[in-house]
C-alpha cells in the first residue's frame, strides 16, 4: 500500500512466489518499501517476507508470538499437513529460512509509520497466537473512516479457522468481541482471502459476530 506513486509503501503478507511480483509493482510505480508487515506466521502469508525485507532493506513487522515461524514456517501446521505441502510444492529440499536484519514487534496498539501512512496494530489472537490486523485512516472520496487488513482473522461472512497448531477458538471469539464489535461500521475490511467487506456488514450478517452481539 502506498499513498501515491513515487512514495514509500508497505508490503503486507508476501507469501509464496511473491518477491518477483513485489519488485515489479515497486519498479512500475517508483515506490520505496518502508515496511514489510505480516498479519500472522502461516506460510501463505509470510513465506517470502524475509526475502522481501532483505531485498529492499526494510523492517519486517510481526507479532512476537509468531516470530519463530519466520525461521520455521511449517511449525504452524501438523506433521501430515507439512508432508502434504512438501509434496504439493516439490519441497523435498526445504529452503533455509532466516530472519532479516531488522525485525520489529507488531504488538497491540503499536503504530507503524511508512511515509505519510500510519498503521495501527490490533492483536487478534485465535487463528494463531500472534495474529494481528492493521488499520489505517482513509481520506478518499468514499464514506469510509479506515481500512483494515485482517489477514485470516476476519473474512466476508466468516472468520479464520482455529483448528491448526496454535489456534484457539475461545481466543478468537474474544478477539472478535473486543476488536471488531467495538469498531465503527464504516471501516472497510480487506481480508487475506476472498472479497472485501465492512465492519458494519459483518456485525449484522456474520454468524460468528451475530451470536456474540
Protein backbone atom coordinates (compact mmCIF):
# COMPACT_ATOMS: atom_id res chain seq x y z
CA UNK A 1 0.00 0.00 0.00
CA UNK A 2 1.24 3.49 -0.87
CA UNK A 3 -0.23 6.99 -0.69
CA UNK A 4 0.77 7.76 -4.28
CA UNK A 5 3.27 6.77 -6.99
CA UNK A 6 6.83 7.63 -6.04
CA UNK A 7 6.16 7.39 -2.30
CA UNK A 8 7.08 4.90 0.46
CA UNK A 9 4.89 1.80 0.59
CA UNK A 10 4.05 -1.05 2.93
CA UNK A 11 4.07 -4.66 1.73
CA UNK A 12 1.53 -6.77 3.61
CA UNK A 13 1.74 -10.58 3.79
CA UNK A 14 4.13 -11.54 0.98
CA UNK A 15 3.52 -15.26 0.60
CA UNK A 16 4.95 -17.90 -1.72
CA UNK A 17 6.44 -16.69 -5.03
CA UNK A 18 5.65 -13.07 -4.19
CA UNK A 19 9.07 -11.42 -4.48
CA UNK A 20 9.11 -11.01 -8.25
CA UNK A 21 5.61 -9.52 -8.23
CA UNK A 22 6.52 -7.10 -5.44
CA UNK A 23 9.62 -5.99 -7.34
CA UNK A 24 7.58 -5.41 -10.50
CA UNK A 25 4.99 -3.26 -8.72
CA UNK A 26 7.64 -1.27 -6.84
CA UNK A 27 9.51 -0.56 -10.07
CA UNK A 28 6.37 0.26 -12.07
CA UNK A 29 5.19 2.86 -9.56
CA UNK A 30 8.63 4.11 -8.48
CA UNK A 31 7.99 3.15 -4.87
CA UNK A 32 10.30 2.67 -1.92
CA UNK A 33 9.47 -0.13 0.52
CA UNK A 34 9.24 1.30 4.02
CA UNK A 35 7.91 -1.77 5.82
CA UNK A 36 7.03 -5.43 5.38
CA UNK A 37 4.05 -6.23 7.61
CA UNK A 38 2.90 -9.77 8.45
CA UNK A 39 -0.59 -10.46 9.82
CA UNK A 40 0.39 -13.94 11.07
CA UNK A 41 3.01 -16.59 10.61
CA UNK A 42 1.32 -19.06 8.24
CA UNK A 43 3.41 -19.79 5.16
CA UNK A 44 0.88 -18.48 2.64
CA UNK A 45 1.19 -15.04 4.25
CA UNK A 46 4.90 -14.80 5.04
CA UNK A 47 6.85 -17.39 3.01
CA UNK A 48 8.89 -14.65 1.33
CA UNK A 49 8.50 -11.91 3.94
CA UNK A 50 12.16 -12.12 4.96
CA UNK A 51 13.26 -12.17 1.31
CA UNK A 52 11.23 -9.05 0.53
CA UNK A 53 12.57 -7.28 3.63
CA UNK A 54 16.16 -8.12 2.66
CA UNK A 55 15.65 -7.16 -0.97
CA UNK A 56 14.52 -3.65 -0.03
CA UNK A 57 16.41 -3.29 3.28
CA UNK A 58 13.10 -2.73 5.06
CA UNK A 59 11.99 -3.60 8.61
CA UNK A 60 9.76 -6.63 9.00
CA UNK A 61 6.87 -6.32 11.46
CA UNK A 62 5.38 -9.45 13.09
CA UNK A 63 3.86 -10.20 16.48
CA UNK A 64 6.38 -11.80 18.90
CA UNK A 65 4.14 -14.86 19.39
CA UNK A 66 4.51 -15.79 15.71
CA UNK A 67 8.09 -14.63 15.20
CA UNK A 68 9.53 -18.16 15.48
CA UNK A 69 7.63 -19.06 12.29
CA UNK A 70 9.92 -16.78 10.28
CA UNK A 71 12.62 -19.43 10.60
CA UNK A 72 10.34 -22.49 10.78
CA UNK A 73 7.14 -21.77 8.82
CA UNK A 74 5.93 -25.38 8.85
CA UNK A 75 5.84 -25.40 12.67
CA UNK A 76 2.34 -23.91 12.46
CA UNK A 77 0.83 -26.96 10.75
CA UNK A 78 0.67 -30.65 11.65
CA UNK A 79 3.25 -33.18 10.53
CA UNK A 80 0.94 -34.82 7.95
CA UNK A 81 -0.06 -31.40 6.57
CA UNK A 82 3.59 -30.39 6.32
CA UNK A 83 4.36 -33.59 4.43
CA UNK A 84 1.49 -32.91 2.00
CA UNK A 85 2.76 -29.37 1.49
CA UNK A 86 6.25 -30.57 0.69
CA UNK A 87 4.85 -33.00 -1.87
CA UNK A 88 2.43 -30.47 -3.41
CA UNK A 89 5.07 -27.80 -3.91
CA UNK A 90 8.04 -30.07 -4.51
CA UNK A 91 9.73 -29.07 -1.28
CA UNK A 92 11.79 -32.19 -0.72
CA UNK A 93 14.70 -29.87 -0.10
CA UNK A 94 13.30 -27.11 2.08
CA UNK A 95 14.84 -23.68 1.60
CA UNK A 96 16.71 -22.27 4.57
CA UNK A 97 14.68 -19.65 6.43
CA UNK A 98 16.49 -16.93 8.36
CA UNK A 99 15.33 -13.68 9.88
CA UNK A 100 16.14 -10.42 8.09
CA UNK A 101 18.34 -7.89 9.85
CA UNK A 102 15.52 -5.73 11.21
CA UNK A 103 12.54 -7.49 12.82
CA UNK A 104 10.12 -5.37 14.85
CA UNK A 105 7.31 -6.25 17.23
CA UNK A 106 3.80 -5.69 15.87
CA UNK A 107 2.19 -5.58 19.32
CA UNK A 108 -1.29 -4.37 20.21
CA UNK A 109 -1.60 -0.61 19.89
CA UNK A 110 1.72 -0.12 18.09
CA UNK A 111 1.86 2.40 15.25
CA UNK A 112 3.88 1.88 12.09
CA UNK A 113 4.89 4.96 10.11
CA UNK A 114 5.52 4.46 6.39
CA UNK A 115 6.00 7.83 4.76
CA UNK A 116 2.71 9.69 5.22
CA UNK A 117 0.88 6.48 6.17
CA UNK A 118 0.24 5.46 9.77
CA UNK A 119 -0.91 1.93 10.57
CA UNK A 120 -2.32 0.85 13.94
CA UNK A 121 -1.79 -2.72 15.11
CA UNK A 122 -4.62 -4.75 16.66
CA UNK A 123 -3.54 -8.02 18.28
CA UNK A 124 -6.29 -10.51 17.39
CA UNK A 125 -5.20 -13.98 18.57
CA UNK A 126 -7.23 -17.06 17.76
CA UNK A 127 -6.18 -18.09 14.28
CA UNK A 128 -2.61 -18.09 15.56
CA UNK A 129 -1.29 -16.71 18.87
CA UNK A 130 0.36 -13.82 17.05
CA UNK A 131 -2.34 -12.87 14.56
CA UNK A 132 -2.74 -9.11 14.11
CA UNK A 133 -4.79 -6.77 11.94
CA UNK A 134 -3.52 -3.47 10.57
CA UNK A 135 -5.79 -0.40 10.40
CA UNK A 136 -5.14 2.86 8.57
CA UNK A 137 -7.20 6.03 8.21
CA UNK A 138 -8.87 6.55 4.85
CA UNK A 139 -9.07 10.04 3.32
CA UNK A 140 -10.53 9.22 -0.09
CA UNK A 141 -13.91 10.14 -1.59
CA UNK A 142 -15.88 7.20 -0.18
CA UNK A 143 -17.72 7.38 3.19
CA UNK A 144 -15.12 5.21 4.90
CA UNK A 145 -13.18 6.07 8.05
CA UNK A 146 -10.50 3.37 7.92
CA UNK A 147 -9.21 0.33 6.09
CA UNK A 148 -8.47 -2.88 7.98
CA UNK A 149 -6.09 -5.51 6.64
CA UNK A 150 -7.41 -8.50 8.53
CA UNK A 151 -5.30 -11.39 7.21
CA UNK A 152 -7.04 -14.61 8.23
CA UNK A 153 -8.78 -13.11 11.26
CA UNK A 154 -11.98 -11.83 9.66
CA UNK A 155 -13.48 -12.72 6.28
CA UNK A 156 -16.60 -11.85 4.31
CA UNK A 157 -19.20 -13.86 6.22
CA UNK A 158 -16.72 -15.94 8.17
CA UNK A 159 -13.66 -15.98 10.45
CA UNK A 160 -10.29 -17.69 10.48
CA UNK A 161 -10.07 -21.37 11.32
CA UNK A 162 -8.82 -22.31 14.77
CA UNK A 163 -8.07 -26.00 14.34
CA UNK A 164 -4.45 -25.57 13.22
CA UNK A 165 -1.44 -25.61 15.53
CA UNK A 166 -1.71 -22.65 17.89
CA UNK A 167 -5.36 -21.94 17.08
CA UNK A 168 -7.75 -21.20 19.94
CA UNK A 169 -11.47 -20.73 19.34
CA UNK A 170 -12.17 -19.02 22.67
CA UNK A 171 -9.39 -16.53 21.96
CA UNK A 172 -10.82 -15.95 18.51
CA UNK A 173 -14.25 -15.13 19.95
CA UNK A 174 -12.69 -12.75 22.46
CA UNK A 175 -10.74 -11.04 19.67
CA UNK A 176 -13.95 -10.63 17.66
CA UNK A 177 -15.75 -9.25 20.70
CA UNK A 178 -13.08 -6.71 21.62
CA UNK A 179 -11.51 -5.86 18.23
CA UNK A 180 -14.46 -5.98 15.81
CA UNK A 181 -17.68 -5.28 17.69
CA UNK A 182 -16.14 -2.12 19.15
CA UNK A 183 -15.19 -0.64 15.76
CA UNK A 184 -17.24 1.80 13.61
CA UNK A 185 -19.41 0.22 10.96
CA UNK A 186 -17.86 2.20 8.09
CA UNK A 187 -14.46 0.52 8.26
CA UNK A 188 -13.69 -1.44 5.09
CA UNK A 189 -12.14 -4.86 5.73
CA UNK A 190 -9.58 -6.25 3.27
CA UNK A 191 -9.09 -9.93 4.17
CA UNK A 192 -6.17 -12.13 3.22
CA UNK A 193 -8.53 -14.29 1.12
CA UNK A 194 -11.80 -13.56 -0.64
CA UNK A 195 -13.73 -10.36 -1.22
CA UNK A 196 -13.69 -7.17 0.80
CA UNK A 197 -16.38 -6.39 3.33
CA UNK A 198 -17.10 -3.89 6.08
CA UNK A 199 -17.33 -3.96 9.84
CA UNK A 200 -20.98 -2.96 9.63
CA UNK A 201 -21.87 -5.75 7.23
CA UNK A 202 -20.11 -8.37 9.34
CA UNK A 203 -21.82 -7.21 12.52
CA UNK A 204 -25.25 -7.94 11.06
CA UNK A 205 -24.58 -10.89 8.71
CA UNK A 206 -21.56 -12.81 10.00
CA UNK A 207 -22.98 -15.66 12.16
CA UNK A 208 -19.96 -15.65 14.47
CA UNK A 209 -20.48 -11.96 15.24
CA UNK A 210 -24.27 -12.01 15.47
CA UNK A 211 -24.00 -14.72 18.14
CA UNK A 212 -21.62 -12.52 20.14
CA UNK A 213 -23.78 -9.42 19.87
